[in-house]
Every structure is written in structure tokens, then in C-alpha cells.
Amino acid sequence: MVEAGSVESQDLRRQKMKKYIIYGVAFVIFQVIVLSIMGLTIMKFRNPKFRVRSATFDDTFDVGTAADPSFNIAMNTKFGVMNNNFGPFKYQNATVDFYYRNTKILSPPPKIQNSS
């Protein structure tokens, strides 16, 4: 009779261990699903938004002729960057082109770096 009680208690322990293992595996699977959904929806990469915060124009404003319609103006701008990403975002050097009704109207001149 003592052996039957110990066998039953061992079976009960095995059943409890199986139940705990099943709960642990189910928890891990649930966490993987939740983190995958968060990674695909909430933490996805978004392009930062650039806005011209202020702009000033220099005194020189050269207008072309009727045969060659163009203008030349110097513009100083301050940009605002809104980062919608989760965490920091590193920016590299870039140029900005300005468009008016899908026509490029302003492009900065190329920068010349000193080789000294």
C-alpha cells in the first residue's frame, strides 16, 4: 500500500510538471506573438517629417528676361525634424530641393570643401 501511494504521488508530480511546462511554453508563444505584432505595427520604421520652420531671403533677387525666365535668390532656412520612430534616428548630410506645383524651383549650390 505504501508503494501505491508513492506511485500516485509521483504521477501527480509528473502531471503538475507537465502542466507547468505546458503553461511555460504557452506563455513563451504568447510573448512571441505579442512582440511580433508590436514590432510589425507600433515599432515599424517611419520616415521623419521635415518642415521649414522659418525662412529669410537676402536682399538680392535677380529676375531673368522673357526669353530666359528664371530667378536667382539666396534663402536662409531653419528646418524642423519630427522623429516618429521609437528611439534615435541618425541623419546624414543631404540637400533639399524646393518644389512649386511639381516644378523644382530651388536647389542649393554644391558645397566645396577645403582640402587643406
PDB file of N, CA and C in Angstrom:
ATOM      1  N   MET A   1       0.811  -1.197   0.000  1.00  0.00           N
ATOM      2  CA  MET A   1       0.000   0.000   0.000  1.00  0.00           C
ATOM      3  C   MET A   1       0.858   1.266   0.000  1.00  0.00           C
ATOM      4  N   VAL A   2       1.977   1.232   0.652  1.00  0.00           N
ATOM      5  CA  VAL A   2       2.842   2.388   0.699  1.00  0.00           C
ATOM      6  C   VAL A   2       3.387   2.666  -0.695  1.00  0.00           C
ATOM      7  N   GLU A   3       3.673   1.616  -1.444  1.00  0.00           N
ATOM      8  CA  GLU A   3       4.192   1.789  -2.786  1.00  0.00           C
ATOM      9  C   GLU A   3       3.133   2.402  -3.703  1.00  0.00           C
ATOM     10  N   ALA A   4       1.905   2.047  -3.535  1.00  0.00           N
ATOM     11  CA  ALA A   4       0.838   2.581  -4.375  1.00  0.00           C
ATOM     12  C   ALA A   4       0.668   4.073  -4.112  1.00  0.00           C
ATOM     13  N   GLY A   5       0.788   4.504  -2.873  1.00  0.00           N
ATOM     14  CA  GLY A   5       0.676   5.920  -2.535  1.00  0.00           C
ATOM     15  C   GLY A   5       1.834   6.725  -3.109  1.00  0.00           C
ATOM     16  N   SER A   6       3.037   6.161  -3.066  1.00  0.00           N
ATOM     17  CA  SER A   6       4.178   6.894  -3.602  1.00  0.00           C
ATOM     18  C   SER A   6       4.119   6.950  -5.127  1.00  0.00           C
ATOM     19  N   VAL A   7       3.593   5.897  -5.762  1.00  0.00           N
ATOM     20  CA  VAL A   7       3.439   5.915  -7.223  1.00  0.00           C
ATOM     21  C   VAL A   7       2.408   6.972  -7.616  1.00  0.00           C
ATOM     22  N   GLU A   8       1.324   7.049  -6.850  1.00  0.00           N
ATOM     23  CA  GLU A   8       0.302   8.063  -7.137  1.00  0.00           C
ATOM     24  C   GLU A   8       0.863   9.472  -6.946  1.00  0.00           C
ATOM     25  N   SER A   9       1.670   9.665  -5.921  1.00  0.00           N
ATOM     26  CA  SER A   9       2.243  10.992  -5.691  1.00  0.00           C
ATOM     27  C   SER A   9       3.258  11.341  -6.789  1.00  0.00           C
ATOM     28  N   GLN A  10       4.013  10.323  -7.277  1.00  0.00           N
ATOM     29  CA  GLN A  10       4.930  10.583  -8.378  1.00  0.00           C
ATOM     30  C   GLN A  10       4.149  10.923  -9.650  1.00  0.00           C
ATOM     31  N   ASP A  11       3.057  10.228  -9.894  1.00  0.00           N
ATOM     32  CA  ASP A  11       2.216  10.542 -11.055  1.00  0.00           C
ATOM     33  C   ASP A  11       1.635  11.948 -10.928  1.00  0.00           C
ATOM     34  N   LEU A  12       1.231  12.303  -9.740  1.00  0.00           N
ATOM     35  CA  LEU A  12       0.689  13.637  -9.507  1.00  0.00           C
ATOM     36  C   LEU A  12       1.770  14.700  -9.738  1.00  0.00           C
ATOM     37  N   ARG A  13       2.990  14.436  -9.293  1.00  0.00           N
ATOM     38  CA  ARG A  13       4.105  15.369  -9.533  1.00  0.00           C
ATOM     39  C   ARG A  13       4.388  15.502 -11.029  1.00  0.00           C
ATOM     40  N   ARG A  14       4.399  14.361 -11.743  1.00  0.00           N
ATOM     41  CA  ARG A  14       4.635  14.400 -13.189  1.00  0.00           C
ATOM     42  C   ARG A  14       3.548  15.204 -13.904  1.00  0.00           C
ATOM     43  N   GLN A  15       2.317  15.002 -13.497  1.00  0.00           N
ATOM     44  CA  GLN A  15       1.212  15.752 -14.112  1.00  0.00           C
ATOM     45  C   GLN A  15       1.360  17.249 -13.846  1.00  0.00           C
ATOM     46  N   LYS A  16       1.743  17.612 -12.618  1.00  0.00           N
ATOM     47  CA  LYS A  16       1.947  19.022 -12.295  1.00  0.00           C
ATOM     48  C   LYS A  16       3.102  19.599 -13.108  1.00  0.00           C
ATOM     49  N   MET A  17       4.210  18.839 -13.233  1.00  0.00           N
ATOM     50  CA  MET A  17       5.353  19.312 -14.013  1.00  0.00           C
ATOM     51  C   MET A  17       4.970  19.494 -15.481  1.00  0.00           C
ATOM     52  N   LYS A  18       4.199  18.547 -16.023  1.00  0.00           N
ATOM     53  CA  LYS A  18       3.738  18.675 -17.411  1.00  0.00           C
ATOM     54  C   LYS A  18       2.872  19.914 -17.567  1.00  0.00           C
ATOM     55  N   LYS A  19       1.998  20.139 -16.604  1.00  0.00           N
ATOM     56  CA  LYS A  19       1.121  21.300 -16.647  1.00  0.00           C
ATOM     57  C   LYS A  19       1.948  22.590 -16.593  1.00  0.00           C
ATOM     58  N   TYR A  20       2.954  22.647 -15.710  1.00  0.00           N
ATOM     59  CA  TYR A  20       3.807  23.838 -15.628  1.00  0.00           C
ATOM     60  C   TYR A  20       4.605  24.057 -16.912  1.00  0.00           C
ATOM     61  N   ILE A  21       5.101  22.980 -17.494  1.00  0.00           N
ATOM     62  CA  ILE A  21       5.851  23.092 -18.747  1.00  0.00           C
ATOM     63  C   ILE A  21       4.940  23.581 -19.869  1.00  0.00           C
ATOM     64  N   ILE A  22       3.728  23.038 -19.942  1.00  0.00           N
ATOM     65  CA  ILE A  22       2.766  23.474 -20.970  1.00  0.00           C
ATOM     66  C   ILE A  22       2.429  24.947 -20.781  1.00  0.00           C
ATOM     67  N   TYR A  23       2.204  25.372 -19.535  1.00  0.00           N
ATOM     68  CA  TYR A  23       1.927  26.787 -19.267  1.00  0.00           C
ATOM     69  C   TYR A  23       3.131  27.662 -19.651  1.00  0.00           C
ATOM     70  N   GLY A  24       4.342  27.201 -19.356  1.00  0.00           N
ATOM     71  CA  GLY A  24       5.538  27.956 -19.708  1.00  0.00           C
ATOM     72  C   GLY A  24       5.698  28.095 -21.216  1.00  0.00           C
ATOM     73  N   VAL A  25       5.483  27.008 -21.952  1.00  0.00           N
ATOM     74  CA  VAL A  25       5.588  27.051 -23.416  1.00  0.00           C
ATOM     75  C   VAL A  25       4.495  27.950 -23.995  1.00  0.00           C
ATOM     76  N   ALA A  26       3.280  27.865 -23.453  1.00  0.00           N
ATOM     77  CA  ALA A  26       2.184  28.718 -23.928  1.00  0.00           C
ATOM     78  C   ALA A  26       2.497  30.189 -23.650  1.00  0.00           C
ATOM     79  N   PHE A  27       3.096  30.489 -22.509  1.00  0.00           N
ATOM     80  CA  PHE A  27       3.468  31.862 -22.189  1.00  0.00           C
ATOM     81  C   PHE A  27       4.529  32.382 -23.153  1.00  0.00           C
ATOM     82  N   VAL A  28       5.530  31.562 -23.460  1.00  0.00           N
ATOM     83  CA  VAL A  28       6.587  31.966 -24.398  1.00  0.00           C
ATOM     84  C   VAL A  28       5.991  32.206 -25.782  1.00  0.00           C
ATOM     85  N   ILE A  29       5.116  31.340 -26.257  1.00  0.00           N
ATOM     86  CA  ILE A  29       4.474  31.512 -27.559  1.00  0.00           C
ATOM     87  C   ILE A  29       3.634  32.785 -27.569  1.00  0.00           C
ATOM     88  N   PHE A  30       2.901  33.035 -26.493  1.00  0.00           N
ATOM     89  CA  PHE A  30       2.096  34.250 -26.388  1.00  0.00           C
ATOM     90  C   PHE A  30       2.976  35.495 -26.450  1.00  0.00           C
ATOM     91  N   GLN A  31       4.095  35.483 -25.729  1.00  0.00           N
ATOM     92  CA  GLN A  31       5.006  36.626 -25.737  1.00  0.00           C
ATOM     93  C   GLN A  31       5.596  36.852 -27.127  1.00  0.00           C
ATOM     94  N   VAL A  32       5.948  35.781 -27.827  1.00  0.00           N
ATOM     95  CA  VAL A  32       6.484  35.918 -29.184  1.00  0.00           C
ATOM     96  C   VAL A  32       5.440  36.537 -30.105  1.00  0.00           C
ATOM     97  N   ILE A  33       4.194  36.111 -29.988  1.00  0.00           N
ATOM     98  CA  ILE A  33       3.120  36.667 -30.821  1.00  0.00           C
ATOM     99  C   ILE A  33       2.910  38.146 -30.505  1.00  0.00           C
ATOM    100  N   VAL A  34       2.851  38.499 -29.232  1.00  0.00           N
ATOM    101  CA  VAL A  34       2.637  39.895 -28.841  1.00  0.00           C
ATOM    102  C   VAL A  34       3.787  40.771 -29.321  1.00  0.00           C
ATOM    103  N   LEU A  35       5.026  40.319 -29.126  1.00  0.00           N
ATOM    104  CA  LEU A  35       6.180  41.112 -29.559  1.00  0.00           C
ATOM    105  C   LEU A  35       6.254  41.213 -31.077  1.00  0.00           C
ATOM    106  N   SER A  36       5.849  40.180 -31.781  1.00  0.00           N
ATOM    107  CA  SER A  36       5.832  40.251 -33.249  1.00  0.00           C
ATOM    108  C   SER A  36       4.808  41.265 -33.733  1.00  0.00           C
ATOM    109  N   ILE A  37       3.634  41.259 -33.134  1.00  0.00           N
ATOM    110  CA  ILE A  37       2.598  42.231 -33.519  1.00  0.00           C
ATOM    111  C   ILE A  37       3.067  43.647 -33.216  1.00  0.00           C
ATOM    112  N   MET A  38       3.675  43.849 -32.050  1.00  0.00           N
ATOM    113  CA  MET A  38       4.186  45.181 -31.710  1.00  0.00           C
ATOM    114  C   MET A  38       5.287  45.604 -32.678  1.00  0.00           C
ATOM    115  N   GLY A  39       6.164  44.688 -33.030  1.00  0.00           N
ATOM    116  CA  GLY A  39       7.240  45.005 -33.948  1.00  0.00           C
ATOM    117  C   GLY A  39       6.749  45.356 -35.337  1.00  0.00           C
ATOM    118  N   LEU A  40       5.678  44.726 -35.774  1.00  0.00           N
ATOM    119  CA  LEU A  40       5.157  44.975 -37.121  1.00  0.00           C
ATOM    120  C   LEU A  40       4.236  46.186 -37.197  1.00  0.00           C
ATOM    121  N   THR A  41       3.666  46.609 -36.082  1.00  0.00           N
ATOM    122  CA  THR A  41       2.714  47.726 -36.128  1.00  0.00           C
ATOM    123  C   THR A  41       3.245  48.964 -35.421  1.00  0.00           C
ATOM    124  N   ILE A  42       3.527  48.866 -34.173  1.00  0.00           N
ATOM    125  CA  ILE A  42       3.879  50.038 -33.370  1.00  0.00           C
ATOM    126  C   ILE A  42       5.312  50.487 -33.637  1.00  0.00           C
ATOM    127  N   MET A  43       6.245  49.561 -33.705  1.00  0.00           N
ATOM    128  CA  MET A  43       7.651  49.921 -33.778  1.00  0.00           C
ATOM    129  C   MET A  43       8.209  49.862 -35.197  1.00  0.00           C
ATOM    130  N   LYS A  44       7.354  49.956 -36.197  1.00  0.00           N
ATOM    131  CA  LYS A  44       7.864  49.917 -37.565  1.00  0.00           C
ATOM    132  C   LYS A  44       8.554  51.235 -37.904  1.00  0.00           C
ATOM    133  N   PHE A  45       9.431  51.182 -38.887  1.00  0.00           N
ATOM    134  CA  PHE A  45      10.204  52.349 -39.279  1.00  0.00           C
ATOM    135  C   PHE A  45       9.315  53.353 -39.993  1.00  0.00           C
ATOM    136  N   ARG A  46       9.398  54.583 -39.566  1.00  0.00           N
ATOM    137  CA  ARG A  46       8.661  55.667 -40.216  1.00  0.00           C
ATOM    138  C   ARG A  46       9.657  56.730 -40.654  1.00  0.00           C
ATOM    139  N   ASN A  47       9.412  57.320 -41.786  1.00  0.00           N
ATOM    140  CA  ASN A  47      10.278  58.400 -42.255  1.00  0.00           C
ATOM    141  C   ASN A  47      10.057  59.641 -41.400  1.00  0.00           C
ATOM    142  N   PRO A  48      11.126  60.305 -41.020  1.00  0.00           N
ATOM    143  CA  PRO A  48      10.957  61.537 -40.250  1.00  0.00           C
ATOM    144  C   PRO A  48      10.332  62.627 -41.121  1.00  0.00           C
ATOM    145  N   LYS A  49       9.641  63.551 -40.474  1.00  0.00           N
ATOM    146  CA  LYS A  49       8.988  64.647 -41.191  1.00  0.00           C
ATOM    147  C   LYS A  49       9.858  65.894 -41.083  1.00  0.00           C
ATOM    148  N   PHE A  50      10.119  66.507 -42.227  1.00  0.00           N
ATOM    149  CA  PHE A  50      10.913  67.726 -42.283  1.00  0.00           C
ATOM    150  C   PHE A  50       9.988  68.894 -42.575  1.00  0.00           C
ATOM    151  N   ARG A  51      10.161  69.964 -41.835  1.00  0.00           N
ATOM    152  CA  ARG A  51       9.356  71.169 -42.041  1.00  0.00           C
ATOM    153  C   ARG A  51      10.284  72.378 -42.062  1.00  0.00           C
ATOM    154  N   VAL A  52       9.954  73.359 -42.885  1.00  0.00           N
ATOM    155  CA  VAL A  52      10.670  74.630 -42.884  1.00  0.00           C
ATOM    156  C   VAL A  52      10.055  75.464 -41.766  1.00  0.00           C
ATOM    157  N   ARG A  53      10.836  75.720 -40.726  1.00  0.00           N
ATOM    158  CA  ARG A  53      10.328  76.469 -39.581  1.00  0.00           C
ATOM    159  C   ARG A  53      10.321  77.961 -39.849  1.00  0.00           C
ATOM    160  N   SER A  54      11.376  78.462 -40.458  1.00  0.00           N
ATOM    161  CA  SER A  54      11.428  79.877 -40.810  1.00  0.00           C
ATOM    162  C   SER A  54      12.344  80.026 -42.015  1.00  0.00           C
ATOM    163  N   ALA A  55      12.109  81.088 -42.763  1.00  0.00           N
ATOM    164  CA  ALA A  55      12.931  81.355 -43.945  1.00  0.00           C
ATOM    165  C   ALA A  55      13.103  82.853 -44.086  1.00  0.00           C
ATOM    166  N   THR A  56      14.316  83.255 -44.388  1.00  0.00           N
ATOM    167  CA  THR A  56      14.609  84.654 -44.690  1.00  0.00           C
ATOM    168  C   THR A  56      15.324  84.706 -46.026  1.00  0.00           C
ATOM    169  N   PHE A  57      15.110  85.804 -46.737  1.00  0.00           N
ATOM    170  CA  PHE A  57      15.713  85.980 -48.046  1.00  0.00           C
ATOM    171  C   PHE A  57      16.696  87.141 -47.993  1.00  0.00           C
ATOM    172  N   ASP A  58      17.794  86.983 -48.700  1.00  0.00           N
ATOM    173  CA  ASP A  58      18.766  88.067 -48.794  1.00  0.00           C
ATOM    174  C   ASP A  58      18.202  89.168 -49.699  1.00  0.00           C
ATOM    175  N   ASP A  59      18.892  90.314 -49.699  1.00  0.00           N
ATOM    176  CA  ASP A  59      18.404  91.469 -50.460  1.00  0.00           C
ATOM    177  C   ASP A  59      18.484  91.273 -51.966  1.00  0.00           C
ATOM    178  N   THR A  60      19.340  90.398 -52.423  1.00  0.00           N
ATOM    179  CA  THR A  60      19.491  90.232 -53.874  1.00  0.00           C
ATOM    180  C   THR A  60      18.410  89.308 -54.414  1.00  0.00           C
ATOM    181  N   PHE A  61      17.729  89.789 -55.438  1.00  0.00           N
ATOM    182  CA  PHE A  61      16.713  88.988 -56.112  1.00  0.00           C
ATOM    183  C   PHE A  61      16.795  89.321 -57.598  1.00  0.00           C
ATOM    184  N   ASP A  62      17.441  88.456 -58.342  1.00  0.00           N
ATOM    185  CA  ASP A  62      17.656  88.689 -59.766  1.00  0.00           C
ATOM    186  C   ASP A  62      16.618  87.929 -60.573  1.00  0.00           C
ATOM    187  N   VAL A  63      15.945  88.655 -61.461  1.00  0.00           N
ATOM    188  CA  VAL A  63      14.926  88.050 -62.317  1.00  0.00           C
ATOM    189  C   VAL A  63      15.458  88.027 -63.742  1.00  0.00           C
ATOM    190  N   GLY A  64      15.220  86.920 -64.429  1.00  0.00           N
ATOM    191  CA  GLY A  64      15.679  86.773 -65.802  1.00  0.00           C
ATOM    192  C   GLY A  64      14.821  87.553 -66.778  1.00  0.00           C
ATOM    193  N   THR A  65      15.059  87.349 -68.052  1.00  0.00           N
ATOM    194  CA  THR A  65      14.325  88.033 -69.117  1.00  0.00           C
ATOM    195  C   THR A  65      13.173  87.164 -69.588  1.00  0.00           C
ATOM    196  N   ALA A  66      12.377  87.716 -70.500  1.00  0.00           N
ATOM    197  CA  ALA A  66      11.259  86.948 -71.061  1.00  0.00           C
ATOM    198  C   ALA A  66      11.777  85.775 -71.892  1.00  0.00           C
ATOM    199  N   ALA A  67      12.927  85.956 -72.526  1.00  0.00           N
ATOM    200  CA  ALA A  67      13.498  84.876 -73.326  1.00  0.00           C
ATOM    201  C   ALA A  67      14.073  83.775 -72.436  1.00  0.00           C
ATOM    202  N   ASP A  68      14.564  84.173 -71.265  1.00  0.00           N
ATOM    203  CA  ASP A  68      15.144  83.211 -70.327  1.00  0.00           C
ATOM    204  C   ASP A  68      14.495  83.425 -68.959  1.00  0.00           C
ATOM    205  N   PRO A  69      13.275  82.905 -68.754  1.00  0.00           N
ATOM    206  CA  PRO A  69      12.582  83.143 -67.474  1.00  0.00           C
ATOM    207  C   PRO A  69      13.246  82.361 -66.342  1.00  0.00           C
ATOM    208  N   SER A  70      13.838  83.103 -65.427  1.00  0.00           N
ATOM    209  CA  SER A  70      14.482  82.481 -64.276  1.00  0.00           C
ATOM    210  C   SER A  70      14.586  83.518 -63.170  1.00  0.00           C
ATOM    211  N   PHE A  71      14.958  83.067 -62.008  1.00  0.00           N
ATOM    212  CA  PHE A  71      15.242  83.988 -60.919  1.00  0.00           C
ATOM    213  C   PHE A  71      16.344  83.407 -60.058  1.00  0.00           C
ATOM    214  N   ASN A  72      17.016  84.279 -59.358  1.00  0.00           N
ATOM    215  CA  ASN A  72      18.127  83.896 -58.500  1.00  0.00           C
ATOM    216  C   ASN A  72      17.933  84.592 -57.162  1.00  0.00           C
ATOM    217  N   ILE A  73      17.859  83.804 -56.095  1.00  0.00           N
ATOM    218  CA  ILE A  73      17.633  84.357 -54.772  1.00  0.00           C
ATOM    219  C   ILE A  73      18.386  83.509 -53.749  1.00  0.00           C
ATOM    220  N   ALA A  74      18.852  84.148 -52.705  1.00  0.00           N
ATOM    221  CA  ALA A  74      19.504  83.430 -51.607  1.00  0.00           C
ATOM    222  C   ALA A  74      18.502  83.309 -50.455  1.00  0.00           C
ATOM    223  N   MET A  75      18.372  82.111 -49.926  1.00  0.00           N
ATOM    224  CA  MET A  75      17.377  81.840 -48.889  1.00  0.00           C
ATOM    225  C   MET A  75      18.054  81.145 -47.714  1.00  0.00           C
ATOM    226  N   ASN A  76      17.828  81.664 -46.519  1.00  0.00           N
ATOM    227  CA  ASN A  76      18.332  81.039 -45.290  1.00  0.00           C
ATOM    228  C   ASN A  76      17.147  80.401 -44.584  1.00  0.00           C
ATOM    229  N   THR A  77      17.247  79.119 -44.308  1.00  0.00           N
ATOM    230  CA  THR A  77      16.119  78.394 -43.719  1.00  0.00           C
ATOM    231  C   THR A  77      16.523  77.690 -42.438  1.00  0.00           C
ATOM    232  N   LYS A  78      15.551  77.484 -41.589  1.00  0.00           N
ATOM    233  CA  LYS A  78      15.694  76.640 -40.409  1.00  0.00           C
ATOM    234  C   LYS A  78      14.695  75.494 -40.567  1.00  0.00           C
ATOM    235  N   PHE A  79      15.201  74.294 -40.421  1.00  0.00           N
ATOM    236  CA  PHE A  79      14.356  73.114 -40.574  1.00  0.00           C
ATOM    237  C   PHE A  79      13.973  72.556 -39.217  1.00  0.00           C
ATOM    238  N   GLY A  80      12.791  72.010 -39.159  1.00  0.00           N
ATOM    239  CA  GLY A  80      12.359  71.244 -38.006  1.00  0.00           C
ATOM    240  C   GLY A  80      12.225  69.798 -38.421  1.00  0.00           C
ATOM    241  N   VAL A  81      12.684  68.887 -37.572  1.00  0.00           N
ATOM    242  CA  VAL A  81      12.614  67.461 -37.867  1.00  0.00           C
ATOM    243  C   VAL A  81      11.798  66.798 -36.776  1.00  0.00           C
ATOM    244  N   MET A  82      10.742  66.104 -37.178  1.00  0.00           N
ATOM    245  CA  MET A  82       9.914  65.367 -36.224  1.00  0.00           C
ATOM    246  C   MET A  82      10.187  63.883 -36.418  1.00  0.00           C
ATOM    247  N   ASN A  83      10.771  63.269 -35.417  1.00  0.00           N
ATOM    248  CA  ASN A  83      11.127  61.858 -35.488  1.00  0.00           C
ATOM    249  C   ASN A  83      10.004  61.035 -34.872  1.00  0.00           C
ATOM    250  N   ASN A  84       9.289  60.273 -35.702  1.00  0.00           N
ATOM    251  CA  ASN A  84       8.194  59.432 -35.220  1.00  0.00           C
ATOM    252  C   ASN A  84       8.658  58.034 -34.854  1.00  0.00           C
ATOM    253  N   ASN A  85       9.942  57.778 -34.966  1.00  0.00           N
ATOM    254  CA  ASN A  85      10.454  56.441 -34.693  1.00  0.00           C
ATOM    255  C   ASN A  85      10.633  56.214 -33.207  1.00  0.00           C
ATOM    256  N   PHE A  86      10.671  54.953 -32.851  1.00  0.00           N
ATOM    257  CA  PHE A  86      10.946  54.563 -31.474  1.00  0.00           C
ATOM    258  C   PHE A  86      12.454  54.534 -31.320  1.00  0.00           C
ATOM    259  N   GLY A  87      13.010  55.492 -30.613  1.00  0.00           N
ATOM    260  CA  GLY A  87      14.448  55.560 -30.433  1.00  0.00           C
ATOM    261  C   GLY A  87      15.070  56.620 -31.323  1.00  0.00           C
ATOM    262  N   PRO A  88      16.379  56.766 -31.250  1.00  0.00           N
ATOM    263  CA  PRO A  88      17.062  57.827 -32.006  1.00  0.00           C
ATOM    264  C   PRO A  88      17.129  57.502 -33.496  1.00  0.00           C
ATOM    265  N   PHE A  89      17.336  58.532 -34.262  1.00  0.00           N
ATOM    266  CA  PHE A  89      17.458  58.406 -35.711  1.00  0.00           C
ATOM    267  C   PHE A  89      18.647  59.239 -36.135  1.00  0.00           C
ATOM    268  N   LYS A  90      19.597  58.656 -36.859  1.00  0.00           N
ATOM    269  CA  LYS A  90      20.800  59.377 -37.277  1.00  0.00           C
ATOM    270  C   LYS A  90      20.592  59.919 -38.683  1.00  0.00           C
ATOM    271  N   TYR A  91      20.969  61.171 -38.871  1.00  0.00           N
ATOM    272  CA  TYR A  91      20.812  61.833 -40.157  1.00  0.00           C
ATOM    273  C   TYR A  91      22.181  62.024 -40.794  1.00  0.00           C
ATOM    274  N   GLN A  92      22.240  61.824 -42.087  1.00  0.00           N
ATOM    275  CA  GLN A  92      23.459  62.069 -42.836  1.00  0.00           C
ATOM    276  C   GLN A  92      23.305  63.387 -43.569  1.00  0.00           C
ATOM    277  N   ASN A  93      24.414  63.900 -44.107  1.00  0.00           N
ATOM    278  CA  ASN A  93      24.355  65.132 -44.876  1.00  0.00           C
ATOM    279  C   ASN A  93      23.459  64.933 -46.092  1.00  0.00           C
ATOM    280  N   ALA A  94      22.675  65.949 -46.393  1.00  0.00           N
ATOM    281  CA  ALA A  94      21.745  65.843 -47.509  1.00  0.00           C
ATOM    282  C   ALA A  94      21.468  67.231 -48.071  1.00  0.00           C
ATOM    283  N   THR A  95      20.879  67.280 -49.230  1.00  0.00           N
ATOM    284  CA  THR A  95      20.438  68.538 -49.824  1.00  0.00           C
ATOM    285  C   THR A  95      18.926  68.522 -49.924  1.00  0.00           C
ATOM    286  N   VAL A  96      18.355  69.704 -49.983  1.00  0.00           N
ATOM    287  CA  VAL A  96      16.910  69.842 -50.043  1.00  0.00           C
ATOM    288  C   VAL A  96      16.559  70.604 -51.310  1.00  0.00           C
ATOM    289  N   ASP A  97      15.610  70.104 -52.050  1.00  0.00           N
ATOM    290  CA  ASP A  97      15.091  70.791 -53.227  1.00  0.00           C
ATOM    291  C   ASP A  97      13.693  71.308 -52.911  1.00  0.00           C
ATOM    292  N   PHE A  98      13.380  72.496 -53.376  1.00  0.00           N
ATOM    293  CA  PHE A  98      12.067  73.087 -53.160  1.00  0.00           C
ATOM    294  C   PHE A  98      11.260  73.006 -54.452  1.00  0.00           C
ATOM    295  N   TYR A  99      10.009  72.602 -54.318  1.00  0.00           N
ATOM    296  CA  TYR A  99       9.129  72.434 -55.470  1.00  0.00           C
ATOM    297  C   TYR A  99       7.907  73.329 -55.331  1.00  0.00           C
ATOM    298  N   TYR A 100       7.427  73.793 -56.460  1.00  0.00           N
ATOM    299  CA  TYR A 100       6.180  74.545 -56.512  1.00  0.00           C
ATOM    300  C   TYR A 100       5.342  73.942 -57.634  1.00  0.00           C
ATOM    301  N   ARG A 101       4.220  73.363 -57.272  1.00  0.00           N
ATOM    302  CA  ARG A 101       3.346  72.680 -58.226  1.00  0.00           C
ATOM    303  C   ARG A 101       4.108  71.672 -59.081  1.00  0.00           C
ATOM    304  N   ASN A 102       4.833  70.818 -58.407  1.00  0.00           N
ATOM    305  CA  ASN A 102       5.614  69.742 -59.021  1.00  0.00           C
ATOM    306  C   ASN A 102       6.723  70.228 -59.938  1.00  0.00           C
ATOM    307  N   THR A 103       7.124  71.477 -59.812  1.00  0.00           N
ATOM    308  CA  THR A 103       8.243  72.018 -60.583  1.00  0.00           C
ATOM    309  C   THR A 103       9.329  72.429 -59.606  1.00  0.00           C
ATOM    310  N   LYS A 104      10.520  71.939 -59.855  1.00  0.00           N
ATOM    311  CA  LYS A 104      11.648  72.263 -58.976  1.00  0.00           C
ATOM    312  C   LYS A 104      12.024  73.722 -59.176  1.00  0.00           C
ATOM    313  N   ILE A 105      11.945  74.503 -58.085  1.00  0.00           N
ATOM    314  CA  ILE A 105      12.232  75.930 -58.210  1.00  0.00           C
ATOM    315  C   ILE A 105      13.492  76.342 -57.468  1.00  0.00           C
ATOM    316  N   LEU A 106      13.964  75.533 -56.539  1.00  0.00           N
ATOM    317  CA  LEU A 106      15.111  75.939 -55.744  1.00  0.00           C
ATOM    318  C   LEU A 106      15.935  74.711 -55.388  1.00  0.00           C
ATOM    319  N   SER A 107      17.209  74.818 -55.646  1.00  0.00           N
ATOM    320  CA  SER A 107      18.146  73.766 -55.279  1.00  0.00           C
ATOM    321  C   SER A 107      19.407  74.442 -54.768  1.00  0.00           C
ATOM    322  N   PRO A 108      19.940  73.993 -53.651  1.00  0.00           N
ATOM    323  CA  PRO A 108      21.132  74.663 -53.121  1.00  0.00           C
ATOM    324  C   PRO A 108      22.351  74.385 -53.985  1.00  0.00           C
ATOM    325  N   PRO A 109      23.295  75.315 -54.008  1.00  0.00           N
ATOM    326  CA  PRO A 109      24.530  75.061 -54.768  1.00  0.00           C
ATOM    327  C   PRO A 109      25.359  74.003 -54.059  1.00  0.00           C
ATOM    328  N   PRO A 110      26.180  73.275 -54.800  1.00  0.00           N
ATOM    329  CA  PRO A 110      27.020  72.257 -54.145  1.00  0.00           C
ATOM    330  C   PRO A 110      28.052  72.915 -53.233  1.00  0.00           C
ATOM    331  N   LYS A 111      28.303  72.275 -52.110  1.00  0.00           N
ATOM    332  CA  LYS A 111      29.283  72.790 -51.162  1.00  0.00           C
ATOM    333  C   LYS A 111      30.676  72.341 -51.593  1.00  0.00           C
ATOM    334  N   ILE A 112      31.612  73.267 -51.503  1.00  0.00           N
ATOM    335  CA  ILE A 112      33.006  72.969 -51.835  1.00  0.00           C
ATOM    336  C   ILE A 112      33.785  72.912 -50.538  1.00  0.00           C
ATOM    337  N   GLN A 113      34.386  71.768 -50.280  1.00  0.00           N
ATOM    338  CA  GLN A 113      35.150  71.616 -49.047  1.00  0.00           C
ATOM    339  C   GLN A 113      36.614  71.899 -49.328  1.00  0.00           C
ATOM    340  N   ASN A 114      37.257  72.546 -48.374  1.00  0.00           N
ATOM    341  CA  ASN A 114      38.693  72.819 -48.497  1.00  0.00           C
ATOM    342  C   ASN A 114      39.476  71.540 -48.290  1.00  0.00           C
ATOM    343  N   SER A 115      40.510  71.346 -49.082  1.00  0.00           N
ATOM    344  CA  SER A 115      41.325  70.142 -48.960  1.00  0.00           C
ATOM    345  C   SER A 115      42.591  70.392 -48.153  1.00  0.00           C
ATOM    346  N   SER A 116      42.593  71.442 -47.331  1.00  0.00           N
ATOM    347  CA  SER A 116      43.801  71.724 -46.548  1.00  0.00           C
ATOM    348  C   SER A 116      43.800  71.013 -45.228  1.00  0.00           C
TER     349      SER A 116
END
